[in-house]
């Protein structure tokens, strides 16, 4: 998956949202975050997907969301 080319300010806003709203924002919240960051909803959703993978790896979990039994 390609990396997004984000400004430092956009990254900061996204990280704050990740911590404040959680790892899985609903569509309305995602729209608001996208508008605040000046990004498309698709790019914002992609960022959250990538960031979730990083979080799971940091927690010692598989990067992709799967059952523990997989």
PDB file of N, CA and C in Angstrom:
ATOM      1  N   UNK A   1       0.856  -1.190   0.000  1.00  0.00           N
ATOM      2  CA  UNK A   1       0.000   0.000   0.000  1.00  0.00           C
ATOM      3  C   UNK A   1       0.892   1.240   0.000  1.00  0.00           C
ATOM      4  N   UNK A   2       0.549   2.197  -0.804  1.00  0.00           N
ATOM      5  CA  UNK A   2       1.383   3.389  -0.946  1.00  0.00           C
ATOM      6  C   UNK A   2       1.300   4.291   0.286  1.00  0.00           C
ATOM      7  N   UNK A   3       2.371   4.992   0.522  1.00  0.00           N
ATOM      8  CA  UNK A   3       2.423   5.965   1.614  1.00  0.00           C
ATOM      9  C   UNK A   3       1.781   7.265   1.138  1.00  0.00           C
ATOM     10  N   UNK A   4       1.149   7.961   2.061  1.00  0.00           N
ATOM     11  CA  UNK A   4       0.558   9.254   1.740  1.00  0.00           C
ATOM     12  C   UNK A   4       1.609  10.334   1.954  1.00  0.00           C
ATOM     13  N   UNK A   5       1.591  11.347   1.123  1.00  0.00           N
ATOM     14  CA  UNK A   5       2.517  12.465   1.245  1.00  0.00           C
ATOM     15  C   UNK A   5       1.812  13.569   2.034  1.00  0.00           C
ATOM     16  N   UNK A   6       2.006  13.570   3.347  1.00  0.00           N
ATOM     17  CA  UNK A   6       1.292  14.496   4.223  1.00  0.00           C
ATOM     18  C   UNK A   6       2.232  15.546   4.791  1.00  0.00           C
ATOM     19  N   UNK A   7       1.672  16.709   5.068  1.00  0.00           N
ATOM     20  CA  UNK A   7       2.460  17.747   5.731  1.00  0.00           C
ATOM     21  C   UNK A   7       2.596  17.382   7.210  1.00  0.00           C
ATOM     22  N   UNK A   8       3.509  18.038   7.869  1.00  0.00           N
ATOM     23  CA  UNK A   8       3.711  17.814   9.303  1.00  0.00           C
ATOM     24  C   UNK A   8       2.434  18.149  10.077  1.00  0.00           C
ATOM     25  N   UNK A   9       1.750  19.216   9.686  1.00  0.00           N
ATOM     26  CA  UNK A   9       0.516  19.636  10.348  1.00  0.00           C
ATOM     27  C   UNK A   9      -0.597  18.587  10.157  1.00  0.00           C
ATOM     28  N   UNK A  10      -0.721  18.061   8.939  1.00  0.00           N
ATOM     29  CA  UNK A  10      -1.744  17.035   8.679  1.00  0.00           C
ATOM     30  C   UNK A  10      -1.470  15.786   9.518  1.00  0.00           C
ATOM     31  N   UNK A  11      -0.201  15.383   9.566  1.00  0.00           N
ATOM     32  CA  UNK A  11       0.169  14.206  10.357  1.00  0.00           C
ATOM     33  C   UNK A  11      -0.147  14.431  11.833  1.00  0.00           C
ATOM     34  N   UNK A  12       0.149  15.620  12.320  1.00  0.00           N
ATOM     35  CA  UNK A  12      -0.117  15.949  13.719  1.00  0.00           C
ATOM     36  C   UNK A  12      -1.616  15.874  14.013  1.00  0.00           C
ATOM     37  N   UNK A  13      -2.438  16.447  13.138  1.00  0.00           N
ATOM     38  CA  UNK A  13      -3.889  16.407  13.325  1.00  0.00           C
ATOM     39  C   UNK A  13      -4.422  14.978  13.287  1.00  0.00           C
ATOM     40  N   UNK A  14      -3.908  14.178  12.361  1.00  0.00           N
ATOM     41  CA  UNK A  14      -4.344  12.790  12.256  1.00  0.00           C
ATOM     42  C   UNK A  14      -3.953  11.987  13.495  1.00  0.00           C
ATOM     43  N   UNK A  15      -2.729  12.178  13.977  1.00  0.00           N
ATOM     44  CA  UNK A  15      -2.283  11.475  15.184  1.00  0.00           C
ATOM     45  C   UNK A  15      -3.131  11.863  16.396  1.00  0.00           C
ATOM     46  N   UNK A  16      -3.452  13.153  16.517  1.00  0.00           N
ATOM     47  CA  UNK A  16      -4.302  13.599  17.619  1.00  0.00           C
ATOM     48  C   UNK A  16      -5.679  12.948  17.534  1.00  0.00           C
ATOM     49  N   UNK A  17      -6.214  12.871  16.334  1.00  0.00           N
ATOM     50  CA  UNK A  17      -7.516  12.238  16.138  1.00  0.00           C
ATOM     51  C   UNK A  17      -7.450  10.751  16.471  1.00  0.00           C
ATOM     52  N   UNK A  18      -6.372  10.101  16.079  1.00  0.00           N
ATOM     53  CA  UNK A  18      -6.178   8.677  16.349  1.00  0.00           C
ATOM     54  C   UNK A  18      -6.224   8.413  17.861  1.00  0.00           C
ATOM     55  N   UNK A  19      -5.583   9.296  18.609  1.00  0.00           N
ATOM     56  CA  UNK A  19      -5.542   9.141  20.073  1.00  0.00           C
ATOM     57  C   UNK A  19      -6.864   9.533  20.722  1.00  0.00           C
ATOM     58  N   UNK A  20      -7.488  10.597  20.202  1.00  0.00           N
ATOM     59  CA  UNK A  20      -8.697  11.130  20.818  1.00  0.00           C
ATOM     60  C   UNK A  20      -9.955  10.339  20.445  1.00  0.00           C
ATOM     61  N   UNK A  21     -10.140  10.067  19.149  1.00  0.00           N
ATOM     62  CA  UNK A  21     -11.379   9.435  18.676  1.00  0.00           C
ATOM     63  C   UNK A  21     -11.268   7.919  18.626  1.00  0.00           C
ATOM     64  N   UNK A  22     -10.051   7.423  18.557  1.00  0.00           N
ATOM     65  CA  UNK A  22      -9.876   5.981  18.497  1.00  0.00           C
ATOM     66  C   UNK A  22      -9.378   5.522  17.145  1.00  0.00           C
ATOM     67  N   UNK A  23      -9.157   4.226  17.063  1.00  0.00           N
ATOM     68  CA  UNK A  23      -8.553   3.651  15.860  1.00  0.00           C
ATOM     69  C   UNK A  23      -9.541   3.454  14.727  1.00  0.00           C
ATOM     70  N   UNK A  24     -10.833   3.467  15.042  1.00  0.00           N
ATOM     71  CA  UNK A  24     -11.852   3.197  14.026  1.00  0.00           C
ATOM     72  C   UNK A  24     -12.960   4.253  14.056  1.00  0.00           C
ATOM     73  N   UNK A  25     -12.699   5.451  13.537  1.00  0.00           N
ATOM     74  CA  UNK A  25     -13.740   6.490  13.560  1.00  0.00           C
ATOM     75  C   UNK A  25     -14.907   6.114  12.642  1.00  0.00           C
ATOM     76  N   UNK A  26     -16.110   6.546  13.033  1.00  0.00           N
ATOM     77  CA  UNK A  26     -17.269   6.308  12.166  1.00  0.00           C
ATOM     78  C   UNK A  26     -17.164   7.244  10.959  1.00  0.00           C
ATOM     79  N   UNK A  27     -18.029   7.035   9.989  1.00  0.00           N
ATOM     80  CA  UNK A  27     -17.932   7.794   8.729  1.00  0.00           C
ATOM     81  C   UNK A  27     -18.090   9.303   8.930  1.00  0.00           C
ATOM     82  N   UNK A  28     -18.976   9.711   9.812  1.00  0.00           N
ATOM     83  CA  UNK A  28     -19.167  11.143  10.067  1.00  0.00           C
ATOM     84  C   UNK A  28     -17.896  11.749  10.655  1.00  0.00           C
ATOM     85  N   UNK A  29     -17.336  11.081  11.640  1.00  0.00           N
ATOM     86  CA  UNK A  29     -16.101  11.558  12.261  1.00  0.00           C
ATOM     87  C   UNK A  29     -14.969  11.575  11.244  1.00  0.00           C
ATOM     88  N   UNK A  30     -14.910  10.545  10.404  1.00  0.00           N
ATOM     89  CA  UNK A  30     -13.887  10.478   9.362  1.00  0.00           C
ATOM     90  C   UNK A  30     -14.009  11.670   8.410  1.00  0.00           C
ATOM     91  N   UNK A  31     -15.243  12.023   8.045  1.00  0.00           N
ATOM     92  CA  UNK A  31     -15.475  13.184   7.175  1.00  0.00           C
ATOM     93  C   UNK A  31     -14.976  14.464   7.832  1.00  0.00           C
ATOM     94  N   UNK A  32     -15.251  14.615   9.119  1.00  0.00           N
ATOM     95  CA  UNK A  32     -14.819  15.817   9.839  1.00  0.00           C
ATOM     96  C   UNK A  32     -13.298  15.891   9.936  1.00  0.00           C
ATOM     97  N   UNK A  33     -12.669  14.754  10.217  1.00  0.00           N
ATOM     98  CA  UNK A  33     -11.205  14.711  10.289  1.00  0.00           C
ATOM     99  C   UNK A  33     -10.603  15.056   8.926  1.00  0.00           C
ATOM    100  N   UNK A  34     -11.171  14.487   7.868  1.00  0.00           N
ATOM    101  CA  UNK A  34     -10.685  14.759   6.509  1.00  0.00           C
ATOM    102  C   UNK A  34     -10.785  16.247   6.193  1.00  0.00           C
ATOM    103  N   UNK A  35     -11.922  16.853   6.521  1.00  0.00           N
ATOM    104  CA  UNK A  35     -12.119  18.279   6.257  1.00  0.00           C
ATOM    105  C   UNK A  35     -11.118  19.125   7.047  1.00  0.00           C
ATOM    106  N   UNK A  36     -10.912  18.761   8.308  1.00  0.00           N
ATOM    107  CA  UNK A  36      -9.983  19.513   9.156  1.00  0.00           C
ATOM    108  C   UNK A  36      -8.550  19.425   8.622  1.00  0.00           C
ATOM    109  N   UNK A  37      -8.199  18.271   8.069  1.00  0.00           N
ATOM    110  CA  UNK A  37      -6.839  18.047   7.568  1.00  0.00           C
ATOM    111  C   UNK A  37      -6.657  18.473   6.117  1.00  0.00           C
ATOM    112  N   UNK A  38      -7.756  18.772   5.433  1.00  0.00           N
ATOM    113  CA  UNK A  38      -7.666  19.133   4.027  1.00  0.00           C
ATOM    114  C   UNK A  38      -7.358  17.941   3.144  1.00  0.00           C
ATOM    115  N   UNK A  39      -7.847  16.761   3.552  1.00  0.00           N
ATOM    116  CA  UNK A  39      -7.620  15.529   2.795  1.00  0.00           C
ATOM    117  C   UNK A  39      -8.945  14.973   2.302  1.00  0.00           C
ATOM    118  N   UNK A  40      -8.868  14.070   1.343  1.00  0.00           N
ATOM    119  CA  UNK A  40     -10.083  13.379   0.914  1.00  0.00           C
ATOM    120  C   UNK A  40     -10.438  12.340   1.984  1.00  0.00           C
ATOM    121  N   UNK A  41     -11.700  11.925   1.982  1.00  0.00           N
ATOM    122  CA  UNK A  41     -12.114  10.882   2.923  1.00  0.00           C
ATOM    123  C   UNK A  41     -11.337   9.599   2.642  1.00  0.00           C
ATOM    124  N   UNK A  42     -11.100   9.327   1.351  1.00  0.00           N
ATOM    125  CA  UNK A  42     -10.368   8.119   0.974  1.00  0.00           C
ATOM    126  C   UNK A  42      -8.951   8.134   1.545  1.00  0.00           C
ATOM    127  N   UNK A  43      -8.249   9.273   1.416  1.00  0.00           N
ATOM    128  CA  UNK A  43      -6.893   9.369   1.953  1.00  0.00           C
ATOM    129  C   UNK A  43      -6.890   9.284   3.477  1.00  0.00           C
ATOM    130  N   UNK A  44      -7.885   9.871   4.101  1.00  0.00           N
ATOM    131  CA  UNK A  44      -7.978   9.826   5.562  1.00  0.00           C
ATOM    132  C   UNK A  44      -8.219   8.391   6.021  1.00  0.00           C
ATOM    133  N   UNK A  45      -9.107   7.701   5.332  1.00  0.00           N
ATOM    134  CA  UNK A  45      -9.390   6.305   5.655  1.00  0.00           C
ATOM    135  C   UNK A  45      -8.140   5.441   5.443  1.00  0.00           C
ATOM    136  N   UNK A  46      -7.399   5.716   4.376  1.00  0.00           N
ATOM    137  CA  UNK A  46      -6.158   4.992   4.078  1.00  0.00           C
ATOM    138  C   UNK A  46      -5.141   5.235   5.196  1.00  0.00           C
ATOM    139  N   UNK A  47      -5.040   6.488   5.659  1.00  0.00           N
ATOM    140  CA  UNK A  47      -4.100   6.802   6.738  1.00  0.00           C
ATOM    141  C   UNK A  47      -4.456   6.004   7.990  1.00  0.00           C
ATOM    142  N   UNK A  48      -5.743   5.964   8.348  1.00  0.00           N
ATOM    143  CA  UNK A  48      -6.159   5.217   9.533  1.00  0.00           C
ATOM    144  C   UNK A  48      -5.850   3.727   9.376  1.00  0.00           C
ATOM    145  N   UNK A  49      -6.023   3.193   8.182  1.00  0.00           N
ATOM    146  CA  UNK A  49      -5.723   1.780   7.937  1.00  0.00           C
ATOM    147  C   UNK A  49      -4.231   1.506   8.148  1.00  0.00           C
ATOM    148  N   UNK A  50      -3.382   2.370   7.579  1.00  0.00           N
ATOM    149  CA  UNK A  50      -1.937   2.221   7.756  1.00  0.00           C
ATOM    150  C   UNK A  50      -1.541   2.391   9.222  1.00  0.00           C
ATOM    151  N   UNK A  51      -2.133   3.374   9.861  1.00  0.00           N
ATOM    152  CA  UNK A  51      -1.799   3.658  11.269  1.00  0.00           C
ATOM    153  C   UNK A  51      -2.245   2.520  12.174  1.00  0.00           C
ATOM    154  N   UNK A  52      -3.385   1.907  11.871  1.00  0.00           N
ATOM    155  CA  UNK A  52      -3.850   0.753  12.633  1.00  0.00           C
ATOM    156  C   UNK A  52      -2.883  -0.413  12.498  1.00  0.00           C
ATOM    157  N   UNK A  53      -2.355  -0.618  11.300  1.00  0.00           N
ATOM    158  CA  UNK A  53      -1.380  -1.689  11.091  1.00  0.00           C
ATOM    159  C   UNK A  53      -0.129  -1.436  11.936  1.00  0.00           C
ATOM    160  N   UNK A  54       0.329  -0.178  11.973  1.00  0.00           N
ATOM    161  CA  UNK A  54       1.488   0.173  12.804  1.00  0.00           C
ATOM    162  C   UNK A  54       1.188  -0.082  14.275  1.00  0.00           C
ATOM    163  N   UNK A  55      -0.004   0.299  14.712  1.00  0.00           N
ATOM    164  CA  UNK A  55      -0.390   0.116  16.110  1.00  0.00           C
ATOM    165  C   UNK A  55      -0.414  -1.369  16.462  1.00  0.00           C
ATOM    166  N   UNK A  56      -1.012  -2.184  15.578  1.00  0.00           N
ATOM    167  CA  UNK A  56      -1.093  -3.623  15.851  1.00  0.00           C
ATOM    168  C   UNK A  56       0.302  -4.240  15.940  1.00  0.00           C
ATOM    169  N   UNK A  57       1.203  -3.829  15.046  1.00  0.00           N
ATOM    170  CA  UNK A  57       2.573  -4.356  15.097  1.00  0.00           C
ATOM    171  C   UNK A  57       3.272  -3.944  16.386  1.00  0.00           C
ATOM    172  N   UNK A  58       3.060  -2.706  16.815  1.00  0.00           N
ATOM    173  CA  UNK A  58       3.668  -2.222  18.058  1.00  0.00           C
ATOM    174  C   UNK A  58       3.137  -2.994  19.270  1.00  0.00           C
ATOM    175  N   UNK A  59       1.901  -3.461  19.166  1.00  0.00           N
ATOM    176  CA  UNK A  59       1.289  -4.236  20.250  1.00  0.00           C
ATOM    177  C   UNK A  59       1.633  -5.723  20.152  1.00  0.00           C
ATOM    178  N   UNK A  60       2.420  -6.091  19.157  1.00  0.00           N
ATOM    179  CA  UNK A  60       2.793  -7.484  18.977  1.00  0.00           C
ATOM    180  C   UNK A  60       1.715  -8.317  18.306  1.00  0.00           C
ATOM    181  N   UNK A  61       0.806  -7.663  17.615  1.00  0.00           N
ATOM    182  CA  UNK A  61      -0.277  -8.344  16.909  1.00  0.00           C
ATOM    183  C   UNK A  61       0.039  -8.389  15.423  1.00  0.00           C
ATOM    184  N   UNK A  62      -0.627  -9.266  14.672  1.00  0.00           N
ATOM    185  CA  UNK A  62      -0.412  -9.267  13.221  1.00  0.00           C
ATOM    186  C   UNK A  62      -0.806  -7.914  12.624  1.00  0.00           C
ATOM    187  N   UNK A  63      -0.096  -7.483  11.594  1.00  0.00           N
ATOM    188  CA  UNK A  63      -0.378  -6.184  10.970  1.00  0.00           C
ATOM    189  C   UNK A  63      -1.779  -6.144  10.382  1.00  0.00           C
ATOM    190  N   UNK A  64      -2.219  -7.273   9.827  1.00  0.00           N
ATOM    191  CA  UNK A  64      -3.571  -7.351   9.273  1.00  0.00           C
ATOM    192  C   UNK A  64      -4.515  -7.839  10.351  1.00  0.00           C
ATOM    193  N   UNK A  65      -5.726  -7.344  10.298  1.00  0.00           N
ATOM    194  CA  UNK A  65      -6.723  -7.714  11.292  1.00  0.00           C
ATOM    195  C   UNK A  65      -7.235  -9.124  10.985  1.00  0.00           C
ATOM    196  N   UNK A  66      -6.845 -10.078  11.806  1.00  0.00           N
ATOM    197  CA  UNK A  66      -7.270 -11.468  11.646  1.00  0.00           C
ATOM    198  C   UNK A  66      -7.522 -12.077  13.018  1.00  0.00           C
ATOM    199  N   UNK A  67      -8.104 -13.214  13.013  1.00  0.00           N
ATOM    200  CA  UNK A  67      -8.306 -13.971  14.238  1.00  0.00           C
ATOM    201  C   UNK A  67      -6.952 -14.456  14.755  1.00  0.00           C
ATOM    202  N   UNK A  68      -6.844 -14.634  16.040  1.00  0.00           N
ATOM    203  CA  UNK A  68      -5.623 -15.153  16.640  1.00  0.00           C
ATOM    204  C   UNK A  68      -5.345 -16.559  16.120  1.00  0.00           C
ATOM    205  N   UNK A  69      -6.396 -17.260  15.722  1.00  0.00           N
ATOM    206  CA  UNK A  69      -6.259 -18.639  15.263  1.00  0.00           C
ATOM    207  C   UNK A  69      -5.777 -18.758  13.828  1.00  0.00           C
ATOM    208  N   UNK A  70      -5.732 -17.651  13.089  1.00  0.00           N
ATOM    209  CA  UNK A  70      -5.305 -17.702  11.674  1.00  0.00           C
ATOM    210  C   UNK A  70      -3.854 -18.109  11.553  1.00  0.00           C
TER     211      UNK A  70
END
